[in-house]
N, C-alpha and C. Protein backbone atom coordinates (compact mmCIF):
# COMPACT_ATOMS: atom_id res chain seq x y z
N MET A 1 126.02 103.32 97.90
CA MET A 1 124.77 103.27 97.54
C MET A 1 123.90 103.80 98.47
N SER A 2 123.07 104.30 98.07
CA SER A 2 121.95 104.86 99.07
C SER A 2 120.63 104.22 98.91
N PHE A 3 120.24 103.71 97.67
CA PHE A 3 119.19 102.94 97.56
C PHE A 3 119.30 101.72 96.80
N THR A 4 118.12 101.03 96.97
CA THR A 4 118.06 99.66 96.75
C THR A 4 116.90 99.38 95.87
N ILE A 5 116.78 98.43 94.89
CA ILE A 5 115.97 98.29 94.06
C ILE A 5 114.78 97.56 95.02
N GLN A 6 113.33 97.85 94.72
CA GLN A 6 112.37 96.98 95.34
C GLN A 6 112.29 95.71 94.59
N VAL A 7 112.03 94.57 95.64
CA VAL A 7 111.87 93.10 95.16
C VAL A 7 110.71 92.56 95.28
N PRO A 8 110.01 92.02 94.42
CA PRO A 8 110.24 91.76 92.92
C PRO A 8 110.08 93.36 92.37
N SER A 9 110.86 93.42 91.02
CA SER A 9 110.51 94.69 90.32
C SER A 9 110.31 94.11 88.66
N PRO A 10 109.03 93.47 88.48
CA PRO A 10 108.76 93.19 87.48
C PRO A 10 109.10 94.32 86.16
N SER A 11 109.51 94.11 85.12
CA SER A 11 110.10 94.66 84.09
C SER A 11 108.95 95.39 83.47
N ILE A 12 107.69 94.83 83.63
CA ILE A 12 106.46 95.68 82.91
C ILE A 12 106.07 96.74 83.43
N GLU A 13 106.89 96.80 84.61
CA GLU A 13 106.37 98.42 85.44
C GLU A 13 107.78 99.01 85.56
N GLU A 14 107.86 100.08 85.57
CA GLU A 14 109.04 101.04 85.93
C GLU A 14 109.42 100.89 87.50
N PRO A 15 110.99 100.87 87.42
CA PRO A 15 111.71 100.29 88.75
C PRO A 15 111.39 101.44 89.96
N ARG A 16 111.06 100.53 91.07
CA ARG A 16 110.74 101.36 92.21
C ARG A 16 112.05 100.84 93.22
N PHE A 17 112.28 101.88 94.28
CA PHE A 17 113.32 102.10 95.08
C PHE A 17 112.96 102.12 96.27
N ASP A 18 113.85 101.62 97.23
CA ASP A 18 114.00 101.60 98.76
C ASP A 18 115.05 102.33 99.42
N CYS A 19 114.95 103.42 100.09
CA CYS A 19 116.14 104.06 100.85
C CYS A 19 117.03 103.04 101.95
N LEU A 20 118.26 103.03 101.72
CA LEU A 20 118.95 101.95 102.66
C LEU A 20 119.24 102.76 103.86
N PHE A 21 119.21 104.03 104.13
CA PHE A 21 119.08 104.75 105.39
C PHE A 21 118.10 104.68 106.77
N CYS A 22 116.62 104.94 105.68
CA CYS A 22 115.87 104.98 106.64
C CYS A 22 114.44 103.73 106.34
N ASN A 23 114.90 103.01 105.44
CA ASN A 23 113.88 101.58 104.87
C ASN A 23 112.71 102.23 104.53
N LYS A 24 112.69 103.49 103.68
CA LYS A 24 111.14 103.68 103.17
C LYS A 24 111.34 103.97 101.86
N PRO A 25 110.02 104.00 101.10
CA PRO A 25 110.13 103.87 99.62
C PRO A 25 110.82 105.24 99.39
N ALA A 26 111.34 105.57 98.11
CA ALA A 26 112.00 106.59 97.82
C ALA A 26 111.06 107.10 96.20
N LEU A 27 111.47 108.03 95.94
CA LEU A 27 110.61 108.98 94.73
C LEU A 27 111.70 109.02 93.66
N VAL A 28 111.28 108.85 92.19
CA VAL A 28 111.84 109.13 91.31
C VAL A 28 111.86 110.34 90.99
N SER A 29 112.69 111.22 90.85
CA SER A 29 112.47 112.62 90.70
C SER A 29 112.81 112.97 89.11
N SER A 30 113.34 112.37 88.47
CA SER A 30 113.48 112.48 87.28
C SER A 30 114.45 111.71 86.43
N GLU A 31 114.14 111.51 85.23
CA GLU A 31 114.79 110.11 84.27
C GLU A 31 115.69 110.76 83.57
N ALA A 32 117.04 110.53 83.83
CA ALA A 32 118.69 111.14 82.92
C ALA A 32 118.61 110.09 81.35
N ALA A 33 118.36 109.01 81.51
CA ALA A 33 118.38 108.10 80.41
C ALA A 33 117.35 107.21 80.22
N ARG A 34 117.05 106.42 79.25
CA ARG A 34 116.27 105.51 78.93
C ARG A 34 116.67 104.62 77.76
N THR A 35 116.68 103.43 77.75
CA THR A 35 116.77 102.58 76.56
C THR A 35 115.69 101.20 76.99
N GLU A 36 115.34 100.40 75.87
CA GLU A 36 114.62 99.24 76.21
C GLU A 36 114.86 98.62 77.31
N THR A 37 116.11 98.36 77.52
CA THR A 37 116.64 97.48 78.44
C THR A 37 117.11 97.91 79.93
N THR A 38 117.39 99.45 79.74
CA THR A 38 118.00 100.24 80.68
C THR A 38 117.17 101.48 81.21
N ARG A 39 117.31 101.97 82.32
CA ARG A 39 116.68 103.38 83.02
C ARG A 39 117.74 103.85 83.87
N THR A 40 118.01 105.07 83.78
CA THR A 40 119.17 105.61 84.69
C THR A 40 118.07 107.03 85.27
N VAL A 41 118.00 106.98 86.72
CA VAL A 41 116.80 108.02 87.31
C VAL A 41 117.67 108.66 88.12
N GLU A 42 117.18 109.93 88.89
CA GLU A 42 117.60 110.46 89.93
C GLU A 42 116.58 109.97 90.83
N VAL A 43 117.04 109.28 92.05
CA VAL A 43 116.14 108.59 93.07
C VAL A 43 116.36 109.83 94.52
N PHE A 44 115.27 110.10 94.92
CA PHE A 44 115.00 110.94 96.23
C PHE A 44 114.46 110.62 97.59
N CYS A 45 114.90 110.35 98.58
CA CYS A 45 114.12 109.92 99.71
C CYS A 45 113.51 111.32 100.25
N ARG A 46 112.16 111.20 100.65
CA ARG A 46 111.76 112.55 101.15
C ARG A 46 111.77 112.50 102.66
N HIS A 47 111.99 111.37 103.32
CA HIS A 47 112.41 110.92 104.80
C HIS A 47 113.30 111.62 105.21
N CYS A 48 114.87 111.05 104.82
CA CYS A 48 115.89 111.38 105.26
C CYS A 48 116.78 112.51 103.95
N GLY A 49 116.00 112.55 102.86
CA GLY A 49 116.80 113.68 102.17
C GLY A 49 118.01 113.08 101.33
N ALA A 50 118.04 111.87 101.38
CA ALA A 50 119.30 111.16 100.42
C ALA A 50 118.85 111.29 99.03
N ARG A 51 119.65 111.45 98.19
CA ARG A 51 119.52 111.71 96.78
C ARG A 51 120.82 110.80 95.75
N GLN A 52 120.52 110.50 94.87
CA GLN A 52 121.47 109.71 93.98
C GLN A 52 121.09 109.29 92.97
N THR A 53 121.84 109.31 91.56
CA THR A 53 121.59 108.96 90.35
C THR A 53 121.68 107.19 90.38
N VAL A 54 120.55 106.70 90.12
CA VAL A 54 120.48 105.09 89.88
C VAL A 54 120.72 104.60 88.39
N ALA A 55 121.30 103.57 88.10
CA ALA A 55 121.13 102.91 86.94
C ALA A 55 120.52 101.48 87.03
N THR A 56 119.50 101.22 86.41
CA THR A 56 118.90 99.78 86.24
C THR A 56 118.71 99.12 84.78
N ARG A 57 118.85 97.66 84.98
CA ARG A 57 118.62 97.16 83.74
C ARG A 57 117.94 95.82 83.66
N LYS A 58 117.38 95.32 82.67
CA LYS A 58 116.40 94.12 83.11
C LYS A 58 117.52 93.03 82.92
N ASN A 59 116.96 92.02 83.76
CA ASN A 59 117.92 90.71 84.12
C ASN A 59 118.03 89.81 82.69
N ALA A 60 118.66 88.86 82.79
CA ALA A 60 119.07 88.09 81.76
C ALA A 60 117.72 87.74 80.96
N ASP A 61 116.85 87.21 81.27
CA ASP A 61 115.49 86.71 80.91
C ASP A 61 114.33 87.90 80.49
N SER A 62 115.06 89.30 80.88
CA SER A 62 114.21 90.36 80.60
C SER A 62 112.95 90.40 81.42
N THR A 63 113.06 89.80 82.62
CA THR A 63 111.43 89.76 83.57
C THR A 63 111.66 90.82 84.34
N LEU A 64 112.76 90.77 85.20
CA LEU A 64 112.87 91.74 86.39
C LEU A 64 113.74 92.56 86.26
N TRP A 65 113.86 93.88 86.70
CA TRP A 65 114.78 95.03 87.07
C TRP A 65 115.50 94.56 87.77
N GLU A 66 117.10 95.11 87.75
CA GLU A 66 118.25 94.74 88.45
C GLU A 66 118.78 95.98 88.43
N MET A 67 119.80 96.07 89.63
CA MET A 67 121.00 97.31 89.69
C MET A 67 121.97 97.25 88.74
N ALA A 68 122.46 98.01 87.99
CA ALA A 68 123.32 98.18 87.05
C ALA A 68 124.72 98.49 87.57
N GLY A 69 125.93 97.71 87.14
CA GLY A 69 126.99 97.71 87.67
C GLY A 69 127.42 97.39 89.04
């Protein structure tokens, strides 16, 4: 895993990510899938070049985003 979700990540906003390699904010470059409770996006770090498809879901009480799987 190259990225982690920023904490806190409220479900009323789109999920945001940080790069684990350089500890800087990453960009969401494209969206692969979306449902009411999940997001699958391509995440890119403009600092070190890391890239990965990341899946997130809402937590049990639907207030925060968390990494799926």
